[in-house]
N, C-alpha and C. Protein backbone atom coordinates (compact mmCIF):
# COMPACT_ATOMS: atom_id res chain seq x y z
N UNK A 1 -10.30 -4.34 1.63
CA UNK A 1 -9.40 -3.29 1.32
C UNK A 1 -10.05 -2.18 0.46
N UNK A 2 -9.34 -1.07 0.60
CA UNK A 2 -9.88 0.11 -0.28
C UNK A 2 -8.63 0.40 -1.24
N UNK A 3 -9.14 1.03 -2.29
CA UNK A 3 -8.19 1.39 -3.45
C UNK A 3 -7.31 2.48 -2.82
N UNK A 4 -6.11 2.48 -3.02
CA UNK A 4 -5.15 3.55 -2.52
C UNK A 4 -5.27 4.80 -3.34
N UNK A 5 -5.96 4.73 -4.49
CA UNK A 5 -6.11 5.93 -5.29
C UNK A 5 -7.37 6.66 -5.06
N UNK A 6 -8.51 5.79 -5.10
CA UNK A 6 -9.90 6.44 -5.07
C UNK A 6 -10.60 6.06 -3.74
N UNK A 7 -10.02 5.28 -2.90
CA UNK A 7 -10.67 4.81 -1.63
C UNK A 7 -11.90 4.07 -1.67
N UNK A 8 -12.21 3.49 -2.93
CA UNK A 8 -13.39 2.71 -3.12
C UNK A 8 -13.11 1.32 -2.42
N UNK A 9 -14.10 0.81 -1.81
CA UNK A 9 -14.03 -0.37 -1.17
C UNK A 9 -13.98 -1.50 -2.09
N UNK A 10 -13.09 -2.33 -1.94
CA UNK A 10 -12.98 -3.56 -2.96
C UNK A 10 -13.31 -4.80 -2.28
N UNK A 11 -14.28 -5.49 -2.70
CA UNK A 11 -14.72 -6.79 -2.01
C UNK A 11 -14.13 -7.99 -2.45
N UNK A 12 -13.29 -7.99 -3.45
CA UNK A 12 -12.53 -9.12 -3.73
C UNK A 12 -11.74 -9.70 -2.80
N UNK A 13 -11.64 -11.10 -2.50
CA UNK A 13 -10.64 -11.46 -1.38
C UNK A 13 -9.35 -11.88 -2.05
N UNK A 14 -9.34 -12.16 -3.25
CA UNK A 14 -7.86 -12.57 -3.83
C UNK A 14 -7.74 -11.52 -5.03
N UNK A 15 -6.65 -10.80 -4.90
CA UNK A 15 -6.29 -9.76 -5.83
C UNK A 15 -5.27 -10.44 -6.81
N UNK A 16 -5.37 -10.37 -8.07
CA UNK A 16 -4.42 -10.90 -8.99
C UNK A 16 -3.61 -9.77 -9.73
N UNK A 17 -2.53 -10.13 -10.39
CA UNK A 17 -1.63 -9.09 -11.03
C UNK A 17 -2.34 -8.20 -11.92
N UNK A 18 -3.37 -8.58 -12.74
CA UNK A 18 -4.02 -7.84 -13.59
C UNK A 18 -5.27 -7.11 -13.15
N UNK A 19 -5.65 -7.31 -11.98
CA UNK A 19 -6.77 -6.73 -11.47
C UNK A 19 -6.78 -5.28 -11.29
N UNK A 20 -7.98 -4.58 -11.66
CA UNK A 20 -7.99 -3.13 -11.66
C UNK A 20 -9.11 -2.64 -10.77
N UNK A 21 -9.06 -1.44 -10.17
CA UNK A 21 -10.12 -0.95 -9.43
C UNK A 21 -11.43 -0.70 -10.38
N UNK A 22 -12.53 -1.17 -9.92
CA UNK A 22 -13.76 -1.00 -10.90
C UNK A 22 -14.06 0.53 -10.97
N UNK A 23 -13.64 1.34 -9.87
CA UNK A 23 -14.09 2.74 -9.94
C UNK A 23 -13.17 3.54 -10.74
N UNK A 24 -11.78 3.48 -10.42
CA UNK A 24 -10.79 4.40 -11.22
C UNK A 24 -9.84 3.76 -12.24
N UNK A 25 -10.01 2.33 -12.34
CA UNK A 25 -9.33 1.68 -13.31
C UNK A 25 -7.80 1.50 -12.98
N UNK A 26 -7.33 1.80 -11.89
CA UNK A 26 -5.82 1.78 -11.50
C UNK A 26 -5.59 0.28 -11.04
N UNK A 27 -4.42 0.00 -11.07
CA UNK A 27 -3.87 -1.43 -10.60
C UNK A 27 -4.30 -1.53 -9.17
N UNK A 28 -4.52 -2.89 -8.78
CA UNK A 28 -4.81 -3.10 -7.37
C UNK A 28 -3.72 -3.96 -6.64
N UNK A 29 -2.85 -4.69 -7.52
CA UNK A 29 -1.89 -5.61 -6.94
C UNK A 29 -0.62 -4.77 -6.90
N UNK A 30 -0.62 -3.83 -5.94
CA UNK A 30 0.52 -2.76 -5.86
C UNK A 30 0.84 -2.80 -4.37
N UNK A 31 2.04 -2.33 -4.14
CA UNK A 31 2.59 -2.09 -2.75
C UNK A 31 1.59 -1.18 -1.93
N UNK A 32 1.04 -0.15 -2.30
CA UNK A 32 0.27 0.66 -1.58
C UNK A 32 -0.92 0.09 -1.09
N UNK A 33 -1.42 -1.05 -1.68
CA UNK A 33 -2.67 -1.77 -1.16
C UNK A 33 -2.18 -3.11 -0.47
N UNK A 34 -0.94 -3.34 -0.11
CA UNK A 34 -0.54 -4.49 0.47
C UNK A 34 -0.41 -4.35 2.01
N UNK A 35 -0.62 -5.41 2.66
CA UNK A 35 -0.69 -5.39 4.26
C UNK A 35 0.79 -5.07 4.72
N UNK A 36 1.76 -5.55 3.98
CA UNK A 36 3.11 -5.45 4.45
C UNK A 36 3.76 -4.12 4.11
N UNK A 37 3.07 -3.07 3.38
CA UNK A 37 3.61 -1.93 3.00
C UNK A 37 3.70 -1.03 4.12
N UNK A 38 4.93 -0.57 4.38
CA UNK A 38 5.04 0.43 5.65
C UNK A 38 6.17 1.47 5.11
N UNK A 39 5.89 2.81 5.13
CA UNK A 39 6.74 3.89 4.82
C UNK A 39 8.00 3.88 5.61
N UNK A 40 7.90 3.37 6.80
CA UNK A 40 9.03 3.47 7.61
C UNK A 40 9.93 2.12 7.77
N UNK A 41 9.55 1.25 6.94
CA UNK A 41 10.24 -0.08 6.98
C UNK A 41 11.36 -0.07 5.89
N UNK A 42 12.47 -0.88 6.02
CA UNK A 42 13.52 -0.98 5.01
C UNK A 42 12.70 -1.34 3.68
N UNK A 43 13.16 -0.60 2.62
CA UNK A 43 12.42 -0.83 1.30
C UNK A 43 11.02 -0.70 1.25
N UNK A 44 10.49 -0.03 2.36
CA UNK A 44 9.08 0.24 2.51
C UNK A 44 8.20 -1.02 2.55
N UNK A 45 8.82 -2.21 3.10
CA UNK A 45 8.08 -3.36 3.17
C UNK A 45 8.51 -4.04 4.45
N UNK A 46 7.47 -4.63 5.16
CA UNK A 46 7.81 -5.50 6.31
C UNK A 46 8.28 -6.85 6.17
N UNK A 47 8.26 -7.35 4.94
CA UNK A 47 8.67 -8.63 4.39
C UNK A 47 10.20 -8.49 3.91
N UNK A 48 10.88 -9.56 3.83
CA UNK A 48 12.37 -9.54 3.56
C UNK A 48 12.39 -9.85 1.93
N UNK A 49 12.14 -8.64 1.25
CA UNK A 49 12.07 -8.79 -0.18
C UNK A 49 13.57 -8.69 -0.74
N UNK A 50 13.92 -9.42 -1.77
CA UNK A 50 15.25 -9.36 -2.31
C UNK A 50 15.55 -8.07 -3.15
N UNK A 51 14.64 -7.78 -4.03
CA UNK A 51 14.68 -6.74 -4.87
C UNK A 51 13.66 -5.70 -4.38
N UNK A 52 14.07 -4.32 -4.34
CA UNK A 52 13.12 -3.33 -3.99
C UNK A 52 12.29 -3.04 -5.16
N UNK A 53 10.98 -2.73 -4.82
CA UNK A 53 10.00 -2.50 -5.83
C UNK A 53 10.10 -0.90 -6.13
N UNK A 54 10.49 -0.44 -7.33
CA UNK A 54 10.69 0.90 -7.57
C UNK A 54 9.35 1.74 -7.70
N UNK A 55 8.33 1.21 -8.31
CA UNK A 55 7.20 1.90 -8.48
C UNK A 55 6.07 1.18 -7.63
N UNK A 56 5.78 1.82 -6.43
CA UNK A 56 4.82 1.23 -5.49
C UNK A 56 3.40 1.43 -5.84
N UNK A 57 3.23 2.20 -6.93
CA UNK A 57 1.89 2.51 -7.33
C UNK A 57 1.54 1.76 -8.56
N UNK A 58 2.42 0.90 -9.13
CA UNK A 58 2.23 -0.03 -10.40
C UNK A 58 2.14 -1.47 -9.98
N UNK A 59 1.30 -2.29 -10.76
CA UNK A 59 1.17 -3.72 -10.51
C UNK A 59 2.54 -4.32 -10.56
N UNK A 60 2.85 -5.19 -9.67
CA UNK A 60 4.13 -6.09 -9.65
C UNK A 60 3.95 -7.46 -9.19
N UNK A 61 4.84 -8.29 -9.39
CA UNK A 61 4.78 -9.58 -9.16
C UNK A 61 5.18 -10.26 -7.84
N UNK A 62 5.27 -9.34 -6.87
CA UNK A 62 5.65 -9.75 -5.59
C UNK A 62 4.85 -10.81 -4.97
N UNK A 63 5.58 -11.92 -4.57
CA UNK A 63 4.93 -13.19 -3.99
C UNK A 63 4.47 -12.89 -2.64
N UNK A 64 4.76 -11.96 -1.91
CA UNK A 64 4.35 -11.73 -0.59
C UNK A 64 3.19 -10.76 -0.49
N UNK A 65 2.70 -10.28 -1.61
CA UNK A 65 1.45 -9.40 -1.60
C UNK A 65 0.32 -10.12 -1.00
N UNK A 66 -0.34 -9.24 -0.03
CA UNK A 66 -1.56 -9.64 0.58
C UNK A 66 -2.33 -8.46 0.70
N UNK A 67 -3.56 -8.46 0.29
CA UNK A 67 -4.56 -7.26 0.35
C UNK A 67 -4.57 -6.92 1.73
N UNK A 68 -4.38 -5.48 1.91
CA UNK A 68 -4.47 -4.88 3.28
C UNK A 68 -5.99 -5.02 3.82
N UNK A 69 -6.06 -5.41 5.03
CA UNK A 69 -7.42 -5.64 5.69
C UNK A 69 -7.87 -4.18 6.32
N UNK A 70 -7.05 -3.39 6.64
CA UNK A 70 -7.32 -2.26 7.31
C UNK A 70 -7.40 -1.00 6.41
N UNK A 71 -7.35 -1.22 5.12
CA UNK A 71 -7.47 -0.18 4.14
C UNK A 71 -6.04 0.27 3.74
N UNK A 72 -5.95 1.06 2.75
CA UNK A 72 -4.78 1.48 2.24
C UNK A 72 -4.03 2.47 3.10
N UNK A 73 -2.71 2.58 2.94
CA UNK A 73 -1.90 3.47 3.80
C UNK A 73 -1.75 4.65 2.79
N UNK A 74 -2.38 5.82 3.22
CA UNK A 74 -2.39 6.96 2.37
C UNK A 74 -1.10 7.86 2.71
N UNK A 75 -0.59 8.65 1.75
CA UNK A 75 0.47 9.51 2.05
C UNK A 75 0.27 10.38 3.21
N UNK A 76 -0.99 10.83 3.43
CA UNK A 76 -1.30 11.66 4.52
C UNK A 76 -0.83 11.13 5.86
N UNK A 77 -0.90 9.75 5.98
CA UNK A 77 -0.59 9.12 7.29
C UNK A 77 0.84 9.40 7.62
N UNK A 78 1.80 9.58 6.69
CA UNK A 78 3.18 9.79 7.00
C UNK A 78 3.25 11.25 7.44
N UNK A 79 2.62 12.09 6.87
CA UNK A 79 2.47 13.50 7.30
C UNK A 79 2.12 13.71 8.84
N UNK A 80 1.10 12.86 9.23
CA UNK A 80 0.44 12.76 10.51
C UNK A 80 1.49 12.21 11.45
N UNK A 81 2.16 11.17 11.09
CA UNK A 81 3.23 10.72 11.92
C UNK A 81 4.38 11.80 12.13
N UNK A 82 4.76 12.46 11.12
CA UNK A 82 5.84 13.41 11.25
C UNK A 82 5.33 14.49 12.27
N UNK A 83 4.08 14.94 11.97
CA UNK A 83 3.52 15.99 13.01
C UNK A 83 3.63 15.50 14.42
N UNK A 84 3.09 14.32 14.78
CA UNK A 84 3.19 13.69 16.14
C UNK A 84 4.58 13.67 16.49
N UNK A 85 5.65 13.35 15.77
CA UNK A 85 6.85 13.11 16.18
C UNK A 85 7.68 14.61 16.45
N UNK A 86 7.21 15.67 15.64
CA UNK A 86 7.64 17.02 15.92
C UNK A 86 6.98 17.54 17.18
N UNK A 87 5.60 17.10 17.37
CA UNK A 87 4.98 17.64 18.67
C UNK A 87 5.69 17.08 19.85
N UNK A 88 6.14 15.99 19.66
CA UNK A 88 6.83 15.22 20.79
C UNK A 88 8.08 15.96 21.26
N UNK A 89 8.70 16.49 20.48
CA UNK A 89 9.99 17.17 20.74
C UNK A 89 9.93 18.72 20.86
N UNK A 90 8.75 19.26 21.02
CA UNK A 90 8.60 20.60 21.25
C UNK A 90 8.86 21.03 22.50
């Protein structure tokens, strides 16, 4: 996975609640670094979570957390999706 903030490659296979990025010092056990994070999903998660996580960029105790294998989902990907959608309806 890569850090959602600085894009540094993280080689750890298991991310714990207190783990931080060695490059920028930000939390790693966050929604933005999770395989199930999806800006278009209900509560921005593809898992059926009971309580919504308010701060997606802060460490949380979500039991569903799984480090993203394909890298982090950047905010720019949402803009790219919206551009493709608007191009579709031109």
